[in-house]
Amino acid sequence: MENNQIQNIEVKEPQAPETNNGQAPQEPEVKTFTQDEVNKMIEKRLAREKKDLAAQIEREREESAKLAKMSESERQKAILEKQMKEFEEMKAAFEKEKLLNETSKQLAQNNLPVEFAEYLITKDAESTFNNINTFKEKWNAALEAALDERMKGKSPAAAPLSNKGTLTMADVRAMSTAEVQARWAEVQEAIKRGI
């Protein structure tokens, strides 16, 4: 292959569709790389992986040399300690995953977004439960404030009343369902009067 050969690699980024004065959305930009650029990217990645692998091999070689210098009982003790450490790490990861699942479950039961579970977990279930309760209070307060802000504005005009404050059938028919529900007691009273 020649070094100056070009390969097309499509790069797609999420974008909101734009219109140009009523025209169709623009096509995503296509980025092209020469073979040399692709080779350099691959070489960098391989060099990084070789470095990581060499470091891991060196650590294992040092550990093997250290174990070889030990007596049989010391070697068995060191191996056991290493296995215990690995077991404790796996146990901690399992407990964290279990707590994350329980947190997600609690959030779902409280109609809260489960995406926040990772931010609410702590080292133990009790403090995580306290975090969930605090989050629930703050979430509901923020939601209520947002709803109140959205509901501000013009209040719906009350339906005009005939007969000075008493409802008639025409008044009830002119009301929306929400108005009838809001004034249900008055509507029932009007029905009893036989409007």
N, C-alpha and C. Protein backbone atom coordinates (compact mmCIF):
# COMPACT_ATOMS: atom_id res chain seq x y z
N MET A 1 0.83 -1.18 0.00
CA MET A 1 0.00 0.00 0.00
C MET A 1 0.87 1.24 0.00
N GLU A 2 0.40 2.26 -0.62
CA GLU A 2 1.12 3.51 -0.63
C GLU A 2 0.82 4.27 0.65
N ASN A 3 1.77 5.08 1.08
CA ASN A 3 1.61 5.83 2.32
C ASN A 3 0.64 6.99 2.18
N ASN A 4 0.42 7.48 0.98
CA ASN A 4 -0.45 8.63 0.82
C ASN A 4 -1.88 8.24 0.45
N GLN A 5 -2.20 6.98 0.54
CA GLN A 5 -3.55 6.53 0.23
C GLN A 5 -4.51 7.05 1.30
N ILE A 6 -5.70 7.46 0.91
CA ILE A 6 -6.66 8.07 1.81
C ILE A 6 -7.78 7.09 2.13
N GLN A 7 -8.14 7.04 3.42
CA GLN A 7 -9.28 6.23 3.84
C GLN A 7 -10.33 7.17 4.39
N ASN A 8 -11.57 6.89 4.08
CA ASN A 8 -12.67 7.69 4.61
C ASN A 8 -13.18 7.05 5.88
N ILE A 9 -13.22 7.83 6.92
CA ILE A 9 -13.79 7.39 8.18
C ILE A 9 -14.86 8.39 8.54
N GLU A 10 -16.06 7.90 8.72
CA GLU A 10 -17.19 8.80 8.98
C GLU A 10 -17.28 9.08 10.46
N VAL A 11 -17.32 10.35 10.80
CA VAL A 11 -17.46 10.79 12.18
C VAL A 11 -18.83 11.40 12.33
N LYS A 12 -19.66 10.78 13.14
CA LYS A 12 -21.02 11.29 13.36
C LYS A 12 -21.12 11.80 14.78
N GLU A 13 -21.56 13.02 14.91
CA GLU A 13 -21.81 13.60 16.22
C GLU A 13 -23.29 13.94 16.29
N PRO A 14 -23.92 13.69 17.44
CA PRO A 14 -25.34 14.01 17.56
C PRO A 14 -25.54 15.52 17.41
N GLN A 15 -26.42 15.87 16.51
CA GLN A 15 -26.72 17.27 16.27
C GLN A 15 -28.21 17.44 16.11
N ALA A 16 -28.66 18.62 16.44
CA ALA A 16 -30.06 18.95 16.18
C ALA A 16 -30.15 19.27 14.69
N PRO A 17 -31.16 18.76 14.00
CA PRO A 17 -31.26 19.05 12.58
C PRO A 17 -31.45 20.54 12.35
N GLU A 18 -30.61 21.08 11.47
CA GLU A 18 -30.71 22.50 11.14
C GLU A 18 -31.33 22.62 9.75
N THR A 19 -32.05 23.65 9.60
CA THR A 19 -32.60 23.92 8.27
C THR A 19 -32.01 25.21 7.76
N ASN A 20 -31.74 25.24 6.49
CA ASN A 20 -31.20 26.43 5.85
C ASN A 20 -32.29 27.07 5.01
N ASN A 21 -33.00 27.98 5.63
CA ASN A 21 -34.08 28.69 4.95
C ASN A 21 -35.06 27.72 4.27
N GLY A 22 -35.50 26.74 5.03
CA GLY A 22 -36.50 25.82 4.49
C GLY A 22 -35.90 24.65 3.74
N GLN A 23 -34.56 24.57 3.63
CA GLN A 23 -33.92 23.47 2.91
C GLN A 23 -33.75 22.27 3.83
N ALA A 24 -33.40 21.14 3.26
CA ALA A 24 -33.20 19.91 4.03
C ALA A 24 -32.00 20.06 4.95
N PRO A 25 -31.93 19.29 6.05
CA PRO A 25 -30.80 19.36 6.97
C PRO A 25 -29.50 19.01 6.26
N GLN A 26 -28.38 19.56 6.75
CA GLN A 26 -27.08 19.30 6.15
C GLN A 26 -26.61 17.91 6.52
N GLU A 27 -25.82 17.31 5.65
CA GLU A 27 -25.25 15.99 5.89
C GLU A 27 -24.14 16.11 6.93
N PRO A 28 -23.91 15.07 7.76
CA PRO A 28 -22.84 15.13 8.73
C PRO A 28 -21.48 15.22 8.03
N GLU A 29 -20.53 15.85 8.70
CA GLU A 29 -19.21 16.04 8.13
C GLU A 29 -18.46 14.71 8.13
N VAL A 30 -17.74 14.43 7.04
CA VAL A 30 -16.95 13.22 6.91
C VAL A 30 -15.49 13.61 7.05
N LYS A 31 -14.80 12.99 8.00
CA LYS A 31 -13.40 13.30 8.22
C LYS A 31 -12.57 12.21 7.57
N THR A 32 -11.54 12.61 6.86
CA THR A 32 -10.70 11.64 6.18
C THR A 32 -9.31 11.63 6.80
N PHE A 33 -8.69 10.46 6.80
CA PHE A 33 -7.35 10.29 7.33
C PHE A 33 -6.49 9.64 6.25
N THR A 34 -5.22 10.04 6.18
CA THR A 34 -4.30 9.35 5.28
C THR A 34 -3.87 8.06 5.96
N GLN A 35 -3.30 7.16 5.20
CA GLN A 35 -2.83 5.89 5.76
C GLN A 35 -1.75 6.16 6.80
N ASP A 36 -0.92 7.18 6.56
CA ASP A 36 0.12 7.52 7.54
C ASP A 36 -0.50 7.93 8.88
N GLU A 37 -1.57 8.73 8.84
CA GLU A 37 -2.23 9.17 10.07
C GLU A 37 -2.84 7.99 10.82
N VAL A 38 -3.45 7.09 10.08
CA VAL A 38 -4.04 5.89 10.70
C VAL A 38 -2.95 5.03 11.31
N ASN A 39 -1.84 4.87 10.59
CA ASN A 39 -0.72 4.08 11.11
C ASN A 39 -0.16 4.70 12.39
N LYS A 40 -0.04 6.03 12.43
CA LYS A 40 0.48 6.70 13.63
C LYS A 40 -0.46 6.49 14.82
N MET A 41 -1.76 6.57 14.58
CA MET A 41 -2.72 6.34 15.66
C MET A 41 -2.59 4.92 16.20
N ILE A 42 -2.44 3.96 15.30
CA ILE A 42 -2.32 2.56 15.71
C ILE A 42 -1.01 2.34 16.46
N GLU A 43 0.08 2.94 15.97
CA GLU A 43 1.37 2.80 16.63
C GLU A 43 1.33 3.37 18.06
N LYS A 44 0.68 4.52 18.24
CA LYS A 44 0.56 5.10 19.56
C LYS A 44 -0.18 4.17 20.50
N ARG A 45 -1.26 3.60 20.00
CA ARG A 45 -2.07 2.69 20.83
C ARG A 45 -1.27 1.44 21.18
N LEU A 46 -0.56 0.88 20.21
CA LEU A 46 0.25 -0.31 20.47
C LEU A 46 1.37 -0.01 21.46
N ALA A 47 2.01 1.14 21.33
CA ALA A 47 3.08 1.52 22.25
C ALA A 47 2.55 1.62 23.67
N ARG A 48 1.37 2.21 23.83
CA ARG A 48 0.76 2.34 25.15
C ARG A 48 0.44 0.96 25.73
N GLU A 49 -0.10 0.06 24.91
CA GLU A 49 -0.43 -1.28 25.39
C GLU A 49 0.83 -2.07 25.74
N LYS A 50 1.89 -1.92 24.93
CA LYS A 50 3.15 -2.61 25.22
C LYS A 50 3.74 -2.13 26.54
N LYS A 51 3.65 -0.83 26.79
CA LYS A 51 4.17 -0.26 28.02
C LYS A 51 3.41 -0.81 29.23
N ASP A 52 2.07 -0.86 29.13
CA ASP A 52 1.26 -1.41 30.22
C ASP A 52 1.56 -2.88 30.45
N LEU A 53 1.71 -3.64 29.37
CA LEU A 53 1.99 -5.07 29.47
C LEU A 53 3.38 -5.29 30.07
N ALA A 54 4.35 -4.49 29.67
CA ALA A 54 5.70 -4.62 30.21
C ALA A 54 5.71 -4.33 31.71
N ALA A 55 4.95 -3.33 32.13
CA ALA A 55 4.87 -3.00 33.56
C ALA A 55 4.24 -4.15 34.34
N GLN A 56 3.20 -4.75 33.78
CA GLN A 56 2.55 -5.87 34.45
C GLN A 56 3.49 -7.07 34.54
N ILE A 57 4.21 -7.35 33.47
CA ILE A 57 5.16 -8.47 33.47
C ILE A 57 6.25 -8.23 34.50
N GLU A 58 6.73 -7.00 34.59
CA GLU A 58 7.78 -6.67 35.56
C GLU A 58 7.27 -6.86 36.99
N ARG A 59 6.05 -6.44 37.26
CA ARG A 59 5.49 -6.63 38.61
C ARG A 59 5.40 -8.11 38.95
N GLU A 60 4.94 -8.91 37.99
CA GLU A 60 4.81 -10.35 38.25
C GLU A 60 6.18 -11.00 38.39
N ARG A 61 7.18 -10.54 37.64
CA ARG A 61 8.53 -11.08 37.74
C ARG A 61 9.11 -10.77 39.12
N GLU A 62 8.89 -9.53 39.61
CA GLU A 62 9.37 -9.15 40.94
C GLU A 62 8.70 -9.98 42.02
N GLU A 63 7.42 -10.21 41.86
CA GLU A 63 6.70 -11.01 42.84
C GLU A 63 7.20 -12.45 42.83
N SER A 64 7.46 -13.00 41.65
CA SER A 64 7.98 -14.37 41.56
C SER A 64 9.35 -14.47 42.20
N ALA A 65 10.20 -13.45 41.97
CA ALA A 65 11.53 -13.46 42.57
C ALA A 65 11.44 -13.39 44.09
N LYS A 66 10.52 -12.57 44.57
CA LYS A 66 10.33 -12.44 46.01
C LYS A 66 9.84 -13.76 46.60
N LEU A 67 8.91 -14.41 45.91
CA LEU A 67 8.40 -15.70 46.40
C LEU A 67 9.47 -16.78 46.37
N ALA A 68 10.35 -16.73 45.38
CA ALA A 68 11.40 -17.74 45.26
C ALA A 68 12.39 -17.65 46.41
N LYS A 69 12.60 -16.47 46.96
CA LYS A 69 13.55 -16.27 48.06
C LYS A 69 12.97 -16.71 49.40
N MET A 70 11.67 -16.93 49.46
CA MET A 70 11.01 -17.27 50.72
C MET A 70 11.06 -18.76 50.98
N SER A 71 10.90 -19.10 52.26
CA SER A 71 10.77 -20.51 52.61
C SER A 71 9.37 -20.98 52.20
N GLU A 72 9.13 -22.25 52.26
CA GLU A 72 7.84 -22.81 51.84
C GLU A 72 6.69 -22.25 52.67
N SER A 73 6.84 -22.14 53.96
CA SER A 73 5.75 -21.63 54.81
C SER A 73 5.53 -20.14 54.53
N GLU A 74 6.60 -19.37 54.34
CA GLU A 74 6.46 -17.95 54.03
C GLU A 74 5.77 -17.77 52.67
N ARG A 75 6.13 -18.63 51.72
CA ARG A 75 5.54 -18.56 50.38
C ARG A 75 4.04 -18.84 50.45
N GLN A 76 3.68 -19.88 51.20
CA GLN A 76 2.25 -20.22 51.35
C GLN A 76 1.49 -19.08 52.03
N LYS A 77 2.12 -18.45 53.03
CA LYS A 77 1.50 -17.34 53.73
C LYS A 77 1.31 -16.15 52.78
N ALA A 78 2.31 -15.84 51.97
CA ALA A 78 2.22 -14.72 51.02
C ALA A 78 1.14 -14.98 49.97
N ILE A 79 1.07 -16.21 49.47
CA ILE A 79 0.05 -16.57 48.48
C ILE A 79 -1.34 -16.44 49.10
N LEU A 80 -1.48 -16.93 50.34
CA LEU A 80 -2.76 -16.83 51.03
C LEU A 80 -3.17 -15.37 51.24
N GLU A 81 -2.22 -14.53 51.65
CA GLU A 81 -2.52 -13.10 51.83
C GLU A 81 -2.96 -12.46 50.52
N LYS A 82 -2.29 -12.80 49.44
CA LYS A 82 -2.66 -12.25 48.12
C LYS A 82 -4.07 -12.69 47.74
N GLN A 83 -4.36 -13.97 47.96
CA GLN A 83 -5.69 -14.46 47.64
C GLN A 83 -6.75 -13.82 48.52
N MET A 84 -6.45 -13.60 49.78
CA MET A 84 -7.39 -12.94 50.69
C MET A 84 -7.64 -11.50 50.24
N LYS A 85 -6.59 -10.82 49.83
CA LYS A 85 -6.73 -9.44 49.36
C LYS A 85 -7.62 -9.41 48.11
N GLU A 86 -7.39 -10.32 47.17
CA GLU A 86 -8.22 -10.38 45.96
C GLU A 86 -9.66 -10.70 46.31
N PHE A 87 -9.86 -11.61 47.27
CA PHE A 87 -11.21 -11.97 47.70
C PHE A 87 -11.91 -10.77 48.32
N GLU A 88 -11.22 -10.03 49.17
CA GLU A 88 -11.82 -8.85 49.81
C GLU A 88 -12.19 -7.79 48.77
N GLU A 89 -11.35 -7.62 47.76
CA GLU A 89 -11.66 -6.66 46.69
C GLU A 89 -12.91 -7.09 45.92
N MET A 90 -13.00 -8.39 45.61
CA MET A 90 -14.18 -8.90 44.91
C MET A 90 -15.42 -8.78 45.78
N LYS A 91 -15.27 -9.06 47.06
CA LYS A 91 -16.40 -8.96 47.99
C LYS A 91 -16.89 -7.51 48.08
N ALA A 92 -15.96 -6.56 48.16
CA ALA A 92 -16.33 -5.15 48.23
C ALA A 92 -17.04 -4.71 46.94
N ALA A 93 -16.55 -5.18 45.79
CA ALA A 93 -17.20 -4.84 44.52
C ALA A 93 -18.61 -5.43 44.46
N PHE A 94 -18.77 -6.66 44.97
CA PHE A 94 -20.08 -7.31 45.00
C PHE A 94 -21.04 -6.56 45.92
N GLU A 95 -20.55 -6.18 47.09
CA GLU A 95 -21.39 -5.43 48.04
C GLU A 95 -21.81 -4.09 47.46
N LYS A 96 -20.89 -3.43 46.77
CA LYS A 96 -21.22 -2.14 46.15
C LYS A 96 -22.28 -2.33 45.08
N GLU A 97 -22.14 -3.36 44.26
CA GLU A 97 -23.13 -3.63 43.21
C GLU A 97 -24.50 -3.97 43.83
N LYS A 98 -24.48 -4.74 44.89
CA LYS A 98 -25.71 -5.10 45.59
C LYS A 98 -26.39 -3.85 46.15
N LEU A 99 -25.61 -2.96 46.76
CA LEU A 99 -26.14 -1.73 47.33
C LEU A 99 -26.66 -0.81 46.21
N LEU A 100 -25.97 -0.78 45.09
CA LEU A 100 -26.42 0.01 43.95
C LEU A 100 -27.77 -0.50 43.43
N ASN A 101 -27.92 -1.81 43.35
CA ASN A 101 -29.19 -2.39 42.90
C ASN A 101 -30.32 -2.07 43.88
N GLU A 102 -30.04 -2.19 45.17
CA GLU A 102 -31.06 -1.89 46.18
C GLU A 102 -31.44 -0.41 46.14
N THR A 103 -30.44 0.45 45.95
CA THR A 103 -30.70 1.89 45.86
C THR A 103 -31.58 2.19 44.66
N SER A 104 -31.26 1.59 43.51
CA SER A 104 -32.07 1.79 42.31
C SER A 104 -33.51 1.32 42.55
N LYS A 105 -33.65 0.20 43.23
CA LYS A 105 -34.98 -0.34 43.54
C LYS A 105 -35.76 0.63 44.44
N GLN A 106 -35.10 1.17 45.46
CA GLN A 106 -35.75 2.12 46.36
C GLN A 106 -36.15 3.39 45.63
N LEU A 107 -35.29 3.87 44.75
CA LEU A 107 -35.62 5.07 43.98
C LEU A 107 -36.83 4.82 43.09
N ALA A 108 -36.86 3.66 42.44
CA ALA A 108 -38.00 3.34 41.57
C ALA A 108 -39.29 3.24 42.38
N GLN A 109 -39.23 2.66 43.58
CA GLN A 109 -40.43 2.55 44.41
C GLN A 109 -40.94 3.91 44.86
N ASN A 110 -40.05 4.87 44.99
CA ASN A 110 -40.43 6.21 45.40
C ASN A 110 -40.67 7.15 44.21
N ASN A 111 -40.77 6.58 43.02
CA ASN A 111 -40.99 7.35 41.79
C ASN A 111 -39.94 8.44 41.61
N LEU A 112 -38.69 8.09 41.88
CA LEU A 112 -37.56 9.01 41.70
C LEU A 112 -36.69 8.47 40.57
N PRO A 113 -35.94 9.32 39.89
CA PRO A 113 -35.11 8.85 38.78
C PRO A 113 -33.98 7.94 39.27
N VAL A 114 -33.90 6.74 38.72
CA VAL A 114 -32.89 5.76 39.15
C VAL A 114 -31.49 6.13 38.66
N GLU A 115 -31.39 7.10 37.77
CA GLU A 115 -30.09 7.52 37.27
C GLU A 115 -29.23 8.12 38.38
N PHE A 116 -29.84 8.53 39.49
CA PHE A 116 -29.11 9.15 40.58
C PHE A 116 -28.60 8.14 41.60
N ALA A 117 -28.83 6.86 41.37
CA ALA A 117 -28.46 5.83 42.35
C ALA A 117 -26.97 5.86 42.67
N GLU A 118 -26.12 6.00 41.67
CA GLU A 118 -24.68 6.00 41.91
C GLU A 118 -24.24 7.16 42.79
N TYR A 119 -24.96 8.26 42.72
CA TYR A 119 -24.60 9.44 43.51
C TYR A 119 -25.08 9.34 44.96
N LEU A 120 -26.01 8.45 45.22
CA LEU A 120 -26.60 8.36 46.54
C LEU A 120 -26.01 7.25 47.41
N ILE A 121 -25.32 6.29 46.79
CA ILE A 121 -24.80 5.17 47.59
C ILE A 121 -23.59 5.61 48.41
N THR A 122 -23.48 5.02 49.58
CA THR A 122 -22.35 5.25 50.47
C THR A 122 -21.81 3.89 50.89
N LYS A 123 -21.07 3.85 51.96
CA LYS A 123 -20.45 2.59 52.39
C LYS A 123 -21.43 1.62 53.03
N ASP A 124 -22.53 2.14 53.59
CA ASP A 124 -23.47 1.24 54.25
C ASP A 124 -24.91 1.56 53.84
N ALA A 125 -25.79 0.62 54.09
CA ALA A 125 -27.18 0.74 53.67
C ALA A 125 -27.92 1.83 54.43
N GLU A 126 -27.61 2.01 55.70
CA GLU A 126 -28.34 3.00 56.50
C GLU A 126 -28.10 4.42 56.00
N SER A 127 -26.85 4.78 55.77
CA SER A 127 -26.58 6.14 55.29
C SER A 127 -27.08 6.31 53.85
N THR A 128 -27.06 5.24 53.07
CA THR A 128 -27.62 5.32 51.72
C THR A 128 -29.12 5.57 51.79
N PHE A 129 -29.80 4.89 52.71
CA PHE A 129 -31.24 5.10 52.90
C PHE A 129 -31.52 6.54 53.31
N ASN A 130 -30.68 7.09 54.19
CA ASN A 130 -30.83 8.49 54.60
C ASN A 130 -30.63 9.42 53.40
N ASN A 131 -29.66 9.09 52.55
CA ASN A 131 -29.43 9.90 51.35
C ASN A 131 -30.64 9.86 50.43
N ILE A 132 -31.26 8.69 50.30
CA ILE A 132 -32.44 8.57 49.44
C ILE A 132 -33.57 9.44 49.99
N ASN A 133 -33.78 9.39 51.30
CA ASN A 133 -34.85 10.21 51.90
C ASN A 133 -34.59 11.70 51.72
N THR A 134 -33.35 12.11 51.92
CA THR A 134 -33.00 13.52 51.73
C THR A 134 -33.19 13.92 50.28
N PHE A 135 -32.74 13.05 49.38
CA PHE A 135 -32.90 13.32 47.94
C PHE A 135 -34.38 13.42 47.57
N LYS A 136 -35.19 12.53 48.13
CA LYS A 136 -36.62 12.54 47.84
C LYS A 136 -37.24 13.87 48.27
N GLU A 137 -36.90 14.34 49.46
CA GLU A 137 -37.43 15.62 49.93
C GLU A 137 -37.01 16.77 49.02
N LYS A 138 -35.73 16.81 48.69
CA LYS A 138 -35.22 17.90 47.84
C LYS A 138 -35.80 17.80 46.43
N TRP A 139 -35.90 16.59 45.91
CA TRP A 139 -36.45 16.39 44.56
C TRP A 139 -37.90 16.85 44.50
N ASN A 140 -38.69 16.42 45.47
CA ASN A 140 -40.10 16.81 45.49
C ASN A 140 -40.27 18.32 45.66
N ALA A 141 -39.43 18.92 46.50
CA ALA A 141 -39.49 20.37 46.69
C ALA A 141 -39.15 21.10 45.39
N ALA A 142 -38.10 20.64 44.72
CA ALA A 142 -37.71 21.28 43.46
C ALA A 142 -38.78 21.07 42.39
N LEU A 143 -39.38 19.89 42.37
CA LEU A 143 -40.44 19.61 41.41
C LEU A 143 -41.66 20.48 41.68
N GLU A 144 -42.00 20.61 42.95
CA GLU A 144 -43.13 21.46 43.33
C GLU A 144 -42.88 22.91 42.95
N ALA A 145 -41.66 23.38 43.20
CA ALA A 145 -41.31 24.77 42.85
C ALA A 145 -41.38 24.97 41.34
N ALA A 146 -40.92 23.99 40.58
CA ALA A 146 -40.97 24.11 39.12
C ALA A 146 -42.42 24.12 38.64
N LEU A 147 -43.26 23.28 39.24
CA LEU A 147 -44.67 23.26 38.85
C LEU A 147 -45.36 24.56 39.22
N ASP A 148 -45.05 25.08 40.40
CA ASP A 148 -45.64 26.36 40.81
C ASP A 148 -45.23 27.47 39.84
N GLU A 149 -43.98 27.48 39.47
CA GLU A 149 -43.49 28.50 38.54
C GLU A 149 -44.19 28.37 37.19
N ARG A 150 -44.39 27.16 36.77
CA ARG A 150 -45.05 26.94 35.47
C ARG A 150 -46.52 27.31 35.51
N MET A 151 -47.13 27.12 36.66
CA MET A 151 -48.56 27.40 36.79
C MET A 151 -48.86 28.88 37.01
N LYS A 152 -47.82 29.67 37.28
CA LYS A 152 -48.04 31.10 37.45
C LYS A 152 -48.53 31.69 36.14
N GLY A 153 -49.20 32.77 36.22
CA GLY A 153 -49.72 33.41 35.03
C GLY A 153 -51.17 33.70 35.21
N LYS A 154 -51.86 33.77 34.11
CA LYS A 154 -53.28 34.09 34.17
C LYS A 154 -54.05 32.92 34.73
N SER A 155 -54.91 33.21 35.67
CA SER A 155 -55.80 32.18 36.16
C SER A 155 -57.00 32.14 35.23
N PRO A 156 -57.59 30.97 35.05
CA PRO A 156 -58.72 30.89 34.14
C PRO A 156 -59.89 31.74 34.63
N ALA A 157 -60.50 32.39 33.69
CA ALA A 157 -61.65 33.24 34.04
C ALA A 157 -62.82 32.36 34.45
N ALA A 158 -63.49 32.77 35.49
CA ALA A 158 -64.65 32.01 35.96
C ALA A 158 -65.81 32.21 34.99
N ALA A 159 -66.59 31.19 34.85
CA ALA A 159 -67.74 31.27 33.95
C ALA A 159 -68.73 32.30 34.51
N PRO A 160 -69.33 33.09 33.66
CA PRO A 160 -70.28 34.08 34.15
C PRO A 160 -71.49 33.39 34.77
N LEU A 161 -71.88 33.93 35.90
CA LEU A 161 -73.01 33.34 36.59
C LEU A 161 -74.27 34.15 36.29
N SER A 162 -75.33 33.43 36.11
CA SER A 162 -76.61 34.12 35.97
C SER A 162 -77.32 34.04 37.31
N ASN A 163 -78.28 34.81 37.52
CA ASN A 163 -79.07 34.82 38.76
C ASN A 163 -78.23 35.12 39.99
N LYS A 164 -77.25 35.97 39.85
CA LYS A 164 -76.47 36.48 40.98
C LYS A 164 -75.88 35.37 41.85
N GLY A 165 -74.96 34.55 41.30
CA GLY A 165 -74.22 33.59 42.09
C GLY A 165 -74.77 32.18 42.06
N THR A 166 -75.91 31.93 41.46
CA THR A 166 -76.42 30.57 41.38
C THR A 166 -76.21 30.06 39.97
N LEU A 167 -75.89 28.79 39.88
CA LEU A 167 -75.63 28.18 38.57
C LEU A 167 -76.94 27.78 37.89
N THR A 168 -76.91 27.90 36.57
CA THR A 168 -78.02 27.39 35.77
C THR A 168 -77.46 26.29 34.89
N MET A 169 -78.34 25.56 34.22
CA MET A 169 -77.91 24.50 33.32
C MET A 169 -77.06 25.08 32.20
N ALA A 170 -77.36 26.26 31.74
CA ALA A 170 -76.57 26.91 30.69
C ALA A 170 -75.16 27.20 31.20
N ASP A 171 -75.08 27.63 32.46
CA ASP A 171 -73.76 27.88 33.05
C ASP A 171 -72.95 26.59 33.11
N VAL A 172 -73.57 25.49 33.54
CA VAL A 172 -72.87 24.20 33.65
C VAL A 172 -72.43 23.72 32.28
N ARG A 173 -73.29 23.86 31.26
CA ARG A 173 -72.93 23.43 29.90
C ARG A 173 -71.79 24.26 29.34
N ALA A 174 -71.67 25.49 29.74
CA ALA A 174 -70.61 26.37 29.23
C ALA A 174 -69.27 26.09 29.92
N MET A 175 -69.29 25.37 31.02
CA MET A 175 -68.05 25.10 31.77
C MET A 175 -67.26 23.98 31.12
N SER A 176 -65.95 24.04 31.29
CA SER A 176 -65.10 22.94 30.86
C SER A 176 -65.18 21.85 31.94
N THR A 177 -64.67 20.69 31.61
CA THR A 177 -64.68 19.59 32.57
C THR A 177 -63.91 19.97 33.83
N ALA A 178 -62.79 20.64 33.65
CA ALA A 178 -61.98 21.05 34.81
C ALA A 178 -62.76 22.01 35.70
N GLU A 179 -63.51 22.93 35.09
CA GLU A 179 -64.29 23.88 35.88
C GLU A 179 -65.42 23.17 36.63
N VAL A 180 -66.05 22.20 35.96
CA VAL A 180 -67.12 21.44 36.62
C VAL A 180 -66.55 20.70 37.81
N GLN A 181 -65.36 20.07 37.63
CA GLN A 181 -64.74 19.34 38.73
C GLN A 181 -64.34 20.30 39.85
N ALA A 182 -63.83 21.46 39.49
CA ALA A 182 -63.41 22.42 40.51
C ALA A 182 -64.61 22.96 41.29
N ARG A 183 -65.74 23.07 40.64
CA ARG A 183 -66.93 23.65 41.30
C ARG A 183 -68.00 22.57 41.49
N TRP A 184 -67.59 21.35 41.70
CA TRP A 184 -68.51 20.22 41.78
C TRP A 184 -69.59 20.41 42.84
N ALA A 185 -69.22 20.96 43.98
CA ALA A 185 -70.21 21.16 45.05
C ALA A 185 -71.32 22.09 44.57
N GLU A 186 -70.97 23.16 43.87
CA GLU A 186 -71.97 24.09 43.35
C GLU A 186 -72.86 23.44 42.29
N VAL A 187 -72.23 22.60 41.45
CA VAL A 187 -72.99 21.91 40.40
C VAL A 187 -74.00 20.96 41.04
N GLN A 188 -73.57 20.22 42.08
CA GLN A 188 -74.49 19.31 42.77
C GLN A 188 -75.64 20.08 43.41
N GLU A 189 -75.31 21.22 43.99
CA GLU A 189 -76.35 22.04 44.62
C GLU A 189 -77.36 22.52 43.57
N ALA A 190 -76.86 22.90 42.39
CA ALA A 190 -77.74 23.35 41.31
C ALA A 190 -78.65 22.22 40.84
N ILE A 191 -78.09 21.01 40.78
CA ILE A 191 -78.89 19.83 40.35
C ILE A 191 -79.99 19.57 41.37
N LYS A 192 -79.68 19.69 42.66
CA LYS A 192 -80.70 19.49 43.69
C LYS A 192 -81.84 20.51 43.59
N ARG A 193 -81.46 21.73 43.21
CA ARG A 193 -82.48 22.76 43.04
C ARG A 193 -83.33 22.52 41.79
N GLY A 194 -82.87 21.64 40.95
CA GLY A 194 -83.64 21.30 39.75
C GLY A 194 -83.50 22.32 38.65
N ILE A 195 -82.34 22.71 38.32
CA ILE A 195 -82.11 23.72 37.29
C ILE A 195 -82.56 23.30 35.94
